[in-house]
């Protein structure tokens, strides 16, 4: 009987010790988890939104974008340091992938790339509406345009040149077909009196002079305007005059065949042609050369300073 009692007592003590050990183990786990949560909560958290440009991916050889948002809002959430770094690093990219889609209106998902895996990034909106149209191209003439009212009194434009003379327009088929010409819009100062050399902005216009939304192969063109005072003028033919030799033995032609002379009415009325002196003494074969034009007495100026002359001996 005594032996039985002793064995029962040992079992009770052993069970009590085991219970104490289990309780200590459970308490230590709770303390560990509590400490881990406290450590995590010590890292500063931040939530912030930023505007990110939207990059569209599509078949640019065959289509153009008619309408689409240019940017989306992206909400960043995570540690303060990582959110700040993402905002300042310019590494975020919002994309909408339309590769494989054809013409028409499409609803496509927005994906945010370049984000740290420890951050949460949410685009708003998460889907965007984008319209694609078939791409078309055409060459259009460039036309010089300027405000005549900005020329000084008594002045006018005598000549205009533009380089290039044509440009390529690209866009939706309907828009490209609506383009009548591309205008090189020259910006003149008030009371302009001198010649103008300017990189003028190019704009596509329809037949009514209204701008058309297309893409141009270049944004500007070099324009030159010749500005002169308004004078009386007269176009006269060129006439060969032999300074040596005889015109009877030669055929003579000019390029250009006429020039414009400027001056008073009285002077212009007395001139019907402009004499061009030629030395024919050494001409044996067909010859083309450039000669200077002489300004007659009383004439203020000539539209051309030089002229090409072709001289051919008669058979």
C-alpha atoms as a PDB file:
ATOM      1  CA  UNK A   1       0.000   0.000   0.000  1.00  0.00           C
ATOM      2  CA  UNK A   2       2.850   2.416   0.796  1.00  0.00           C
ATOM      3  CA  UNK A   3       4.536   1.627  -2.529  1.00  0.00           C
ATOM      4  CA  UNK A   4       1.396   2.462  -4.455  1.00  0.00           C
ATOM      5  CA  UNK A   5       1.004   5.816  -2.736  1.00  0.00           C
ATOM      6  CA  UNK A   6       4.627   6.758  -3.473  1.00  0.00           C
ATOM      7  CA  UNK A   7       4.227   5.951  -7.197  1.00  0.00           C
ATOM      8  CA  UNK A   8       1.062   8.067  -7.459  1.00  0.00           C
ATOM      9  CA  UNK A   9       2.819  11.030  -5.887  1.00  0.00           C
ATOM     10  CA  UNK A  10       5.701  10.848  -8.374  1.00  0.00           C
ATOM     11  CA  UNK A  11       3.258  10.841 -11.302  1.00  0.00           C
ATOM     12  CA  UNK A  12       1.493  13.921 -10.027  1.00  0.00           C
ATOM     13  CA  UNK A  13       4.776  15.802  -9.584  1.00  0.00           C
ATOM     14  CA  UNK A  14       5.926  14.806 -13.085  1.00  0.00           C
ATOM     15  CA  UNK A  15       2.634  15.934 -14.655  1.00  0.00           C
ATOM     16  CA  UNK A  16       2.852  19.260 -12.830  1.00  0.00           C
ATOM     17  CA  UNK A  17       6.392  19.870 -14.074  1.00  0.00           C
ATOM     18  CA  UNK A  18       5.341  19.004 -17.658  1.00  0.00           C
ATOM     19  CA  UNK A  19       2.420  21.442 -17.464  1.00  0.00           C
ATOM     20  CA  UNK A  20       4.752  24.199 -16.231  1.00  0.00           C
ATOM     21  CA  UNK A  21       7.178  23.566 -19.103  1.00  0.00           C
ATOM     22  CA  UNK A  22       4.351  23.669 -21.713  1.00  0.00           C
ATOM     23  CA  UNK A  23       3.010  26.907 -20.272  1.00  0.00           C
ATOM     24  CA  UNK A  24       6.485  28.489 -20.416  1.00  0.00           C
ATOM     25  CA  UNK A  25       6.885  27.417 -24.059  1.00  0.00           C
ATOM     26  CA  UNK A  26       3.534  28.890 -25.101  1.00  0.00           C
ATOM     27  CA  UNK A  27       4.328  32.157 -23.300  1.00  0.00           C
ATOM     28  CA  UNK A  28       7.692  32.406 -25.017  1.00  0.00           C
ATOM     29  CA  UNK A  29       6.010  32.023 -28.443  1.00  0.00           C
ATOM     30  CA  UNK A  30       3.560  34.814 -27.638  1.00  0.00           C
ATOM     31  CA  UNK A  31       6.367  37.080 -26.526  1.00  0.00           C
ATOM     32  CA  UNK A  32       8.310  36.330 -29.731  1.00  0.00           C
ATOM     33  CA  UNK A  33       5.329  37.139 -31.967  1.00  0.00           C
ATOM     34  CA  UNK A  34       4.597  40.269 -29.977  1.00  0.00           C
ATOM     35  CA  UNK A  35       8.192  41.448 -30.320  1.00  0.00           C
ATOM     36  CA  UNK A  36       8.157  40.693 -34.068  1.00  0.00           C
ATOM     37  CA  UNK A  37       4.988  42.750 -34.559  1.00  0.00           C
ATOM     38  CA  UNK A  38       6.402  45.592 -32.534  1.00  0.00           C
ATOM     39  CA  UNK A  39       9.576  45.559 -34.660  1.00  0.00           C
ATOM     40  CA  UNK A  40       7.525  45.713 -37.877  1.00  0.00           C
ATOM     41  CA  UNK A  41       5.395  48.540 -36.537  1.00  0.00           C
ATOM     42  CA  UNK A  42       8.528  50.586 -35.936  1.00  0.00           C
ATOM     43  CA  UNK A  43       9.121  50.933 -39.746  1.00  0.00           C
ATOM     44  CA  UNK A  44       7.373  54.183 -40.901  1.00  0.00           C
ATOM     45  CA  UNK A  45       4.588  53.502 -43.420  1.00  0.00           C
ATOM     46  CA  UNK A  46       3.397  55.885 -46.166  1.00  0.00           C
ATOM     47  CA  UNK A  47       0.672  56.101 -48.794  1.00  0.00           C
ATOM     48  CA  UNK A  48       0.912  58.615 -51.614  1.00  0.00           C
ATOM     49  CA  UNK A  49      -0.450  59.208 -55.124  1.00  0.00           C
ATOM     50  CA  UNK A  50       1.437  60.498 -58.145  1.00  0.00           C
ATOM     51  CA  UNK A  51       0.689  61.200 -61.796  1.00  0.00           C
ATOM     52  CA  UNK A  52       2.515  58.921 -64.252  1.00  0.00           C
ATOM     53  CA  UNK A  53       2.625  59.292 -68.076  1.00  0.00           C
ATOM     54  CA  UNK A  54       0.760  56.527 -69.881  1.00  0.00           C
ATOM     55  CA  UNK A  55       2.795  54.693 -72.510  1.00  0.00           C
ATOM     56  CA  UNK A  56       0.731  53.045 -75.246  1.00  0.00           C
ATOM     57  CA  UNK A  57       2.011  49.912 -76.950  1.00  0.00           C
ATOM     58  CA  UNK A  58       0.468  49.270 -80.379  1.00  0.00           C
ATOM     59  CA  UNK A  59       1.334  48.530 -84.025  1.00  0.00           C
ATOM     60  CA  UNK A  60       2.672  51.950 -85.006  1.00  0.00           C
ATOM     61  CA  UNK A  61       3.335  50.885 -88.609  1.00  0.00           C
ATOM     62  CA  UNK A  62      -0.367  50.421 -89.357  1.00  0.00           C
ATOM     63  CA  UNK A  63      -2.274  52.470 -86.779  1.00  0.00           C
ATOM     64  CA  UNK A  64      -2.384  55.839 -85.049  1.00  0.00           C
ATOM     65  CA  UNK A  65      -3.947  56.789 -81.716  1.00  0.00           C
ATOM     66  CA  UNK A  66      -6.986  59.015 -82.160  1.00  0.00           C
ATOM     67  CA  UNK A  67      -7.888  59.418 -78.483  1.00  0.00           C
ATOM     68  CA  UNK A  68      -6.328  58.208 -75.244  1.00  0.00           C
ATOM     69  CA  UNK A  69      -5.469  59.618 -71.804  1.00  0.00           C
ATOM     70  CA  UNK A  70      -1.937  60.944 -71.547  1.00  0.00           C
ATOM     71  CA  UNK A  71      -1.445  59.910 -67.915  1.00  0.00           C
ATOM     72  CA  UNK A  72      -2.936  57.993 -64.993  1.00  0.00           C
ATOM     73  CA  UNK A  73      -2.785  58.322 -61.209  1.00  0.00           C
ATOM     74  CA  UNK A  74      -0.765  55.708 -59.335  1.00  0.00           C
ATOM     75  CA  UNK A  75      -1.235  55.109 -55.599  1.00  0.00           C
ATOM     76  CA  UNK A  76       1.880  53.863 -53.780  1.00  0.00           C
ATOM     77  CA  UNK A  77       1.789  52.191 -50.369  1.00  0.00           C
ATOM     78  CA  UNK A  78       4.617  50.813 -48.238  1.00  0.00           C
ATOM     79  CA  UNK A  79       7.598  51.998 -46.251  1.00  0.00           C
ATOM     80  CA  UNK A  80       8.097  55.745 -46.287  1.00  0.00           C
ATOM     81  CA  UNK A  81      11.644  55.458 -47.638  1.00  0.00           C
ATOM     82  CA  UNK A  82      10.648  53.218 -50.548  1.00  0.00           C
ATOM     83  CA  UNK A  83       7.624  55.359 -51.464  1.00  0.00           C
ATOM     84  CA  UNK A  84       9.775  58.499 -51.496  1.00  0.00           C
ATOM     85  CA  UNK A  85      12.464  56.776 -53.555  1.00  0.00           C
ATOM     86  CA  UNK A  86       9.890  55.581 -56.098  1.00  0.00           C
ATOM     87  CA  UNK A  87       8.400  59.040 -56.390  1.00  0.00           C
ATOM     88  CA  UNK A  88      11.749  60.763 -56.881  1.00  0.00           C
ATOM     89  CA  UNK A  89      13.413  58.099 -59.009  1.00  0.00           C
ATOM     90  CA  UNK A  90      11.211  58.457 -62.119  1.00  0.00           C
ATOM     91  CA  UNK A  91      11.302  54.693 -62.600  1.00  0.00           C
ATOM     92  CA  UNK A  92       7.555  54.090 -62.640  1.00  0.00           C
ATOM     93  CA  UNK A  93       5.933  53.436 -65.993  1.00  0.00           C
ATOM     94  CA  UNK A  94       2.228  52.984 -66.681  1.00  0.00           C
ATOM     95  CA  UNK A  95       1.558  50.997 -69.856  1.00  0.00           C
ATOM     96  CA  UNK A  96      -1.453  49.897 -71.874  1.00  0.00           C
ATOM     97  CA  UNK A  97      -0.696  47.028 -74.253  1.00  0.00           C
ATOM     98  CA  UNK A  98      -2.778  47.065 -77.464  1.00  0.00           C
ATOM     99  CA  UNK A  99      -0.485  45.026 -79.665  1.00  0.00           C
ATOM    100  CA  UNK A 100      -2.647  42.728 -81.749  1.00  0.00           C
ATOM    101  CA  UNK A 101      -5.668  45.053 -81.638  1.00  0.00           C
ATOM    102  CA  UNK A 102      -7.061  46.682 -84.786  1.00  0.00           C
ATOM    103  CA  UNK A 103      -8.886  49.899 -85.601  1.00  0.00           C
ATOM    104  CA  UNK A 104     -11.684  50.939 -83.235  1.00  0.00           C
ATOM    105  CA  UNK A 105     -12.289  51.781 -79.596  1.00  0.00           C
ATOM    106  CA  UNK A 106     -10.768  49.448 -77.014  1.00  0.00           C
ATOM    107  CA  UNK A 107     -10.822  49.128 -73.237  1.00  0.00           C
ATOM    108  CA  UNK A 108      -7.360  48.023 -72.083  1.00  0.00           C
ATOM    109  CA  UNK A 109      -5.803  47.292 -68.703  1.00  0.00           C
ATOM    110  CA  UNK A 110      -3.167  49.595 -67.222  1.00  0.00           C
ATOM    111  CA  UNK A 111      -0.059  47.958 -65.777  1.00  0.00           C
ATOM    112  CA  UNK A 112       2.425  49.712 -63.504  1.00  0.00           C
ATOM    113  CA  UNK A 113       6.055  48.701 -64.075  1.00  0.00           C
ATOM    114  CA  UNK A 114       9.333  49.616 -62.384  1.00  0.00           C
ATOM    115  CA  UNK A 115       7.932  49.256 -58.850  1.00  0.00           C
ATOM    116  CA  UNK A 116       9.806  47.814 -55.870  1.00  0.00           C
ATOM    117  CA  UNK A 117       8.369  44.409 -54.870  1.00  0.00           C
ATOM    118  CA  UNK A 118       7.922  45.635 -51.286  1.00  0.00           C
ATOM    119  CA  UNK A 119       5.523  48.366 -52.431  1.00  0.00           C
ATOM    120  CA  UNK A 120       1.911  48.159 -53.498  1.00  0.00           C
ATOM    121  CA  UNK A 121       1.057  50.174 -56.634  1.00  0.00           C
ATOM    122  CA  UNK A 122      -2.498  50.699 -57.871  1.00  0.00           C
ATOM    123  CA  UNK A 123      -3.333  52.578 -61.081  1.00  0.00           C
ATOM    124  CA  UNK A 124      -6.411  54.764 -61.301  1.00  0.00           C
ATOM    125  CA  UNK A 125      -8.178  54.128 -63.579  1.00  0.00           C
ATOM    126  CA  UNK A 126      -7.180  50.491 -63.916  1.00  0.00           C
ATOM    127  CA  UNK A 127      -8.597  50.343 -67.456  1.00  0.00           C
ATOM    128  CA  UNK A 128      -8.526  53.096 -70.116  1.00  0.00           C
ATOM    129  CA  UNK A 129     -10.415  53.680 -73.351  1.00  0.00           C
ATOM    130  CA  UNK A 130      -8.190  54.054 -76.418  1.00  0.00           C
ATOM    131  CA  UNK A 131      -9.256  54.558 -80.038  1.00  0.00           C
ATOM    132  CA  UNK A 132      -7.028  53.360 -82.892  1.00  0.00           C
ATOM    133  CA  UNK A 133      -7.410  54.346 -86.547  1.00  0.00           C
ATOM    134  CA  UNK A 134      -5.761  53.107 -89.715  1.00  0.00           C
ATOM    135  CA  UNK A 135      -2.596  55.033 -90.469  1.00  0.00           C
ATOM    136  CA  UNK A 136      -2.249  56.986 -93.719  1.00  0.00           C
ATOM    137  CA  UNK A 137       0.476  59.225 -95.181  1.00  0.00           C
ATOM    138  CA  UNK A 138       0.671  61.740 -98.024  1.00  0.00           C
ATOM    139  CA  UNK A 139       2.941  64.498 -99.319  1.00  0.00           C
ATOM    140  CA  UNK A 140       1.496  68.022 -99.207  1.00  0.00           C
ATOM    141  CA  UNK A 141       2.744  71.339-100.578  1.00  0.00           C
ATOM    142  CA  UNK A 142       4.020  73.988 -98.158  1.00  0.00           C
ATOM    143  CA  UNK A 143       2.436  77.414 -98.615  1.00  0.00           C
ATOM    144  CA  UNK A 144       3.938  80.599 -97.147  1.00  0.00           C
ATOM    145  CA  UNK A 145       1.455  82.625 -95.085  1.00  0.00           C
ATOM    146  CA  UNK A 146       1.911  86.039 -93.425  1.00  0.00           C
ATOM    147  CA  UNK A 147      -0.154  88.995 -92.241  1.00  0.00           C
ATOM    148  CA  UNK A 148       0.083  91.710 -94.910  1.00  0.00           C
ATOM    149  CA  UNK A 149      -1.254  94.263 -92.460  1.00  0.00           C
ATOM    150  CA  UNK A 150       1.996  94.032 -90.505  1.00  0.00           C
ATOM    151  CA  UNK A 151       4.027  95.358 -93.443  1.00  0.00           C
ATOM    152  CA  UNK A 152       4.946  99.035 -93.177  1.00  0.00           C
ATOM    153  CA  UNK A 153       2.966 101.483 -95.321  1.00  0.00           C
ATOM    154  CA  UNK A 154       4.444 101.628 -98.799  1.00  0.00           C
ATOM    155  CA  UNK A 155       6.083  98.172 -98.533  1.00  0.00           C
ATOM    156  CA  UNK A 156       5.173  94.812 -99.999  1.00  0.00           C
ATOM    157  CA  UNK A 157       6.601  91.298-100.426  1.00  0.00           C
ATOM    158  CA  UNK A 158       8.184  90.876-103.838  1.00  0.00           C
ATOM    159  CA  UNK A 159       9.175  87.206-103.524  1.00  0.00           C
ATOM    160  CA  UNK A 160       8.890  84.231-101.171  1.00  0.00           C
ATOM    161  CA  UNK A 161      10.866  80.985-100.881  1.00  0.00           C
ATOM    162  CA  UNK A 162      10.361  78.021 -98.556  1.00  0.00           C
ATOM    163  CA  UNK A 163      12.496  74.978 -97.789  1.00  0.00           C
ATOM    164  CA  UNK A 164      11.252  72.252 -97.932  1.00  0.00           C
ATOM    165  CA  UNK A 165       8.524  72.801-100.516  1.00  0.00           C
ATOM    166  CA  UNK A 166       6.648  69.645 -99.482  1.00  0.00           C
ATOM    167  CA  UNK A 167       6.282  67.667 -96.239  1.00  0.00           C
ATOM    168  CA  UNK A 168       4.783  64.305 -95.305  1.00  0.00           C
ATOM    169  CA  UNK A 169       1.602  64.282 -93.234  1.00  0.00           C
ATOM    170  CA  UNK A 170       0.627  61.215 -91.190  1.00  0.00           C
ATOM    171  CA  UNK A 171      -2.567  60.412 -89.332  1.00  0.00           C
ATOM    172  CA  UNK A 172      -6.003  58.835 -89.582  1.00  0.00           C
ATOM    173  CA  UNK A 173      -7.037  58.352 -93.211  1.00  0.00           C
ATOM    174  CA  UNK A 174      -9.928  60.846 -93.037  1.00  0.00           C
ATOM    175  CA  UNK A 175      -7.697  63.542 -91.530  1.00  0.00           C
ATOM    176  CA  UNK A 176      -4.910  63.085 -94.066  1.00  0.00           C
ATOM    177  CA  UNK A 177      -7.366  63.233 -96.956  1.00  0.00           C
ATOM    178  CA  UNK A 178      -8.809  66.469 -95.544  1.00  0.00           C
ATOM    179  CA  UNK A 179      -5.455  68.268 -95.657  1.00  0.00           C
ATOM    180  CA  UNK A 180      -5.397  70.760 -98.544  1.00  0.00           C
ATOM    181  CA  UNK A 181      -1.966  72.241 -97.820  1.00  0.00           C
ATOM    182  CA  UNK A 182       0.597  72.822 -95.074  1.00  0.00           C
ATOM    183  CA  UNK A 183       1.012  76.452 -94.093  1.00  0.00           C
ATOM    184  CA  UNK A 184       4.368  77.981 -93.125  1.00  0.00           C
ATOM    185  CA  UNK A 185       3.065  80.722 -90.849  1.00  0.00           C
ATOM    186  CA  UNK A 186       5.561  83.612 -90.780  1.00  0.00           C
ATOM    187  CA  UNK A 187       5.453  85.802 -87.680  1.00  0.00           C
ATOM    188  CA  UNK A 188       6.026  89.424 -88.768  1.00  0.00           C
ATOM    189  CA  UNK A 189       6.714  92.381 -86.519  1.00  0.00           C
ATOM    190  CA  UNK A 190       4.517  95.427 -86.939  1.00  0.00           C
ATOM    191  CA  UNK A 191       5.750  97.864 -89.634  1.00  0.00           C
ATOM    192  CA  UNK A 192       8.115  95.334 -91.240  1.00  0.00           C
ATOM    193  CA  UNK A 193      10.357  96.974 -93.858  1.00  0.00           C
ATOM    194  CA  UNK A 194      13.258  94.536 -94.306  1.00  0.00           C
ATOM    195  CA  UNK A 195      13.705  91.028 -95.683  1.00  0.00           C
ATOM    196  CA  UNK A 196      12.700  88.115 -93.462  1.00  0.00           C
ATOM    197  CA  UNK A 197      14.591  84.847 -92.827  1.00  0.00           C
ATOM    198  CA  UNK A 198      12.642  82.728 -90.383  1.00  0.00           C
ATOM    199  CA  UNK A 199      12.057  79.143 -89.239  1.00  0.00           C
ATOM    200  CA  UNK A 200       8.288  79.267 -89.559  1.00  0.00           C
ATOM    201  CA  UNK A 201       5.929  76.891 -87.756  1.00  0.00           C
ATOM    202  CA  UNK A 202       4.129  74.399 -90.016  1.00  0.00           C
ATOM    203  CA  UNK A 203       0.403  73.670 -89.660  1.00  0.00           C
ATOM    204  CA  UNK A 204      -1.843  71.457 -91.783  1.00  0.00           C
ATOM    205  CA  UNK A 205      -5.006  73.152 -93.111  1.00  0.00           C
ATOM    206  CA  UNK A 206      -8.129  71.967 -94.924  1.00  0.00           C
ATOM    207  CA  UNK A 207      -9.720  73.682 -97.932  1.00  0.00           C
ATOM    208  CA  UNK A 208     -11.481  76.146 -95.623  1.00  0.00           C
ATOM    209  CA  UNK A 209      -8.259  77.176 -93.903  1.00  0.00           C
ATOM    210  CA  UNK A 210      -9.069  75.289 -90.692  1.00  0.00           C
ATOM    211  CA  UNK A 211      -6.281  73.340 -88.900  1.00  0.00           C
ATOM    212  CA  UNK A 212      -6.302  69.542 -89.287  1.00  0.00           C
ATOM    213  CA  UNK A 213      -4.998  67.217 -86.587  1.00  0.00           C
ATOM    214  CA  UNK A 214      -2.160  65.231 -88.224  1.00  0.00           C
ATOM    215  CA  UNK A 215       1.536  64.591 -87.633  1.00  0.00           C
ATOM    216  CA  UNK A 216       4.044  66.389 -89.881  1.00  0.00           C
ATOM    217  CA  UNK A 217       7.434  65.028 -90.949  1.00  0.00           C
ATOM    218  CA  UNK A 218       8.986  68.215 -89.517  1.00  0.00           C
ATOM    219  CA  UNK A 219       7.596  71.025 -87.352  1.00  0.00           C
ATOM    220  CA  UNK A 220       9.171  74.017 -89.125  1.00  0.00           C
ATOM    221  CA  UNK A 221      10.407  75.239 -92.516  1.00  0.00           C
ATOM    222  CA  UNK A 222      12.911  77.929 -93.525  1.00  0.00           C
ATOM    223  CA  UNK A 223      11.088  80.853 -95.132  1.00  0.00           C
ATOM    224  CA  UNK A 224      12.587  83.878 -96.879  1.00  0.00           C
ATOM    225  CA  UNK A 225      10.536  86.960 -97.711  1.00  0.00           C
ATOM    226  CA  UNK A 226      11.873  89.745 -99.909  1.00  0.00           C
ATOM    227  CA  UNK A 227      10.358  93.014 -98.731  1.00  0.00           C
ATOM    228  CA  UNK A 228      10.623  96.206-100.785  1.00  0.00           C
ATOM    229  CA  UNK A 229       9.014  99.621-100.972  1.00  0.00           C
ATOM    230  CA  UNK A 230       6.090  99.939-103.310  1.00  0.00           C
ATOM    231  CA  UNK A 231       7.403 101.607-106.455  1.00  0.00           C
ATOM    232  CA  UNK A 232       6.269 101.978-110.038  1.00  0.00           C
ATOM    233  CA  UNK A 233       7.650  99.074-112.025  1.00  0.00           C
ATOM    234  CA  UNK A 234       7.646  97.681-115.525  1.00  0.00           C
ATOM    235  CA  UNK A 235       8.646  94.369-117.065  1.00  0.00           C
ATOM    236  CA  UNK A 236      10.945  94.807-120.082  1.00  0.00           C
ATOM    237  CA  UNK A 237      12.588  92.361-122.473  1.00  0.00           C
ATOM    238  CA  UNK A 238      16.337  91.841-122.768  1.00  0.00           C
ATOM    239  CA  UNK A 239      18.042  92.864-126.011  1.00  0.00           C
ATOM    240  CA  UNK A 240      21.543  91.869-127.107  1.00  0.00           C
ATOM    241  CA  UNK A 241      23.966  94.640-128.090  1.00  0.00           C
ATOM    242  CA  UNK A 242      27.318  93.695-129.656  1.00  0.00           C
ATOM    243  CA  UNK A 243      30.239  95.501-128.021  1.00  0.00           C
ATOM    244  CA  UNK A 244      32.496  93.772-130.584  1.00  0.00           C
ATOM    245  CA  UNK A 245      31.713  91.481-133.482  1.00  0.00           C
ATOM    246  CA  UNK A 246      28.385  91.348-135.344  1.00  0.00           C
ATOM    247  CA  UNK A 247      25.024  90.014-134.134  1.00  0.00           C
ATOM    248  CA  UNK A 248      24.256  89.000-137.723  1.00  0.00           C
ATOM    249  CA  UNK A 249      26.513  85.979-137.293  1.00  0.00           C
ATOM    250  CA  UNK A 250      25.008  84.664-134.007  1.00  0.00           C
ATOM    251  CA  UNK A 251      21.814  83.461-132.383  1.00  0.00           C
ATOM    252  CA  UNK A 252      21.412  84.869-128.854  1.00  0.00           C
ATOM    253  CA  UNK A 253      18.972  83.815-126.093  1.00  0.00           C
ATOM    254  CA  UNK A 254      18.565  84.946-122.460  1.00  0.00           C
ATOM    255  CA  UNK A 255      17.455  83.269-119.245  1.00  0.00           C
ATOM    256  CA  UNK A 256      15.371  84.930-117.927  1.00  0.00           C
ATOM    257  CA  UNK A 257      14.050  86.599-121.047  1.00  0.00           C
ATOM    258  CA  UNK A 258      12.828  89.694-119.183  1.00  0.00           C
ATOM    259  CA  UNK A 259      13.396  91.670-115.980  1.00  0.00           C
ATOM    260  CA  UNK A 260      11.407  94.148-113.913  1.00  0.00           C
ATOM    261  CA  UNK A 261      12.719  97.686-113.595  1.00  0.00           C
ATOM    262  CA  UNK A 262      11.694 100.082-110.808  1.00  0.00           C
ATOM    263  CA  UNK A 263      11.594 103.845-110.921  1.00  0.00           C
ATOM    264  CA  UNK A 264       9.421 106.880-111.640  1.00  0.00           C
ATOM    265  CA  UNK A 265       6.625 106.831-114.216  1.00  0.00           C
ATOM    266  CA  UNK A 266       8.495 109.160-116.539  1.00  0.00           C
ATOM    267  CA  UNK A 267      11.598 107.017-116.601  1.00  0.00           C
ATOM    268  CA  UNK A 268       9.725 103.745-117.062  1.00  0.00           C
ATOM    269  CA  UNK A 269       7.686 105.088-119.971  1.00  0.00           C
ATOM    270  CA  UNK A 270      10.872 105.759-121.919  1.00  0.00           C
ATOM    271  CA  UNK A 271      12.279 102.226-121.603  1.00  0.00           C
ATOM    272  CA  UNK A 272      10.907  99.274-123.576  1.00  0.00           C
ATOM    273  CA  UNK A 273      13.919  96.929-123.391  1.00  0.00           C
ATOM    274  CA  UNK A 274      17.153  96.515-121.488  1.00  0.00           C
ATOM    275  CA  UNK A 275      20.342  96.397-123.541  1.00  0.00           C
ATOM    276  CA  UNK A 276      22.860  93.655-122.696  1.00  0.00           C
ATOM    277  CA  UNK A 277      26.373  94.361-124.160  1.00  0.00           C
ATOM    278  CA  UNK A 278      28.098  91.204-125.498  1.00  0.00           C
ATOM    279  CA  UNK A 279      31.655  90.635-126.706  1.00  0.00           C
ATOM    280  CA  UNK A 280      31.309  88.312-129.729  1.00  0.00           C
ATOM    281  CA  UNK A 281      34.854  88.593-131.083  1.00  0.00           C
ATOM    282  CA  UNK A 282      36.130  85.259-129.722  1.00  0.00           C
ATOM    283  CA  UNK A 283      32.966  83.104-129.917  1.00  0.00           C
ATOM    284  CA  UNK A 284      33.636  80.098-132.188  1.00  0.00           C
ATOM    285  CA  UNK A 285      31.259  77.497-130.674  1.00  0.00           C
ATOM    286  CA  UNK A 286      28.014  77.504-128.724  1.00  0.00           C
ATOM    287  CA  UNK A 287      28.705  79.261-125.423  1.00  0.00           C
ATOM    288  CA  UNK A 288      26.642  79.889-122.270  1.00  0.00           C
ATOM    289  CA  UNK A 289      27.806  82.399-119.698  1.00  0.00           C
ATOM    290  CA  UNK A 290      26.524  84.762-117.035  1.00  0.00           C
ATOM    291  CA  UNK A 291      26.737  88.497-117.602  1.00  0.00           C
ATOM    292  CA  UNK A 292      25.993  91.508-115.415  1.00  0.00           C
ATOM    293  CA  UNK A 293      23.025  93.740-116.207  1.00  0.00           C
ATOM    294  CA  UNK A 294      23.560  97.497-116.387  1.00  0.00           C
ATOM    295  CA  UNK A 295      20.982  99.699-114.679  1.00  0.00           C
ATOM    296  CA  UNK A 296      19.789 102.459-117.045  1.00  0.00           C
ATOM    297  CA  UNK A 297      19.934 106.073-115.949  1.00  0.00           C
ATOM    298  CA  UNK A 298      16.916 107.016-113.860  1.00  0.00           C
ATOM    299  CA  UNK A 299      16.091 103.417-112.879  1.00  0.00           C
ATOM    300  CA  UNK A 300      16.200 102.784-109.143  1.00  0.00           C
ATOM    301  CA  UNK A 301      16.771  99.022-109.259  1.00  0.00           C
ATOM    302  CA  UNK A 302      16.389  95.804-111.257  1.00  0.00           C
ATOM    303  CA  UNK A 303      14.671  92.574-110.254  1.00  0.00           C
ATOM    304  CA  UNK A 304      17.755  90.666-111.524  1.00  0.00           C
ATOM    305  CA  UNK A 305      21.419  91.625-111.266  1.00  0.00           C
ATOM    306  CA  UNK A 306      22.735  88.925-113.617  1.00  0.00           C
ATOM    307  CA  UNK A 307      21.400  86.924-116.541  1.00  0.00           C
ATOM    308  CA  UNK A 308      22.473  83.770-118.394  1.00  0.00           C
ATOM    309  CA  UNK A 309      23.102  84.231-122.113  1.00  0.00           C
ATOM    310  CA  UNK A 310      23.562  81.489-124.726  1.00  0.00           C
ATOM    311  CA  UNK A 311      25.423  82.458-127.926  1.00  0.00           C
ATOM    312  CA  UNK A 312      25.477  80.133-130.944  1.00  0.00           C
ATOM    313  CA  UNK A 313      27.297  80.858-134.245  1.00  0.00           C
ATOM    314  CA  UNK A 314      24.980  80.676-137.253  1.00  0.00           C
ATOM    315  CA  UNK A 315      25.682  77.897-139.776  1.00  0.00           C
END
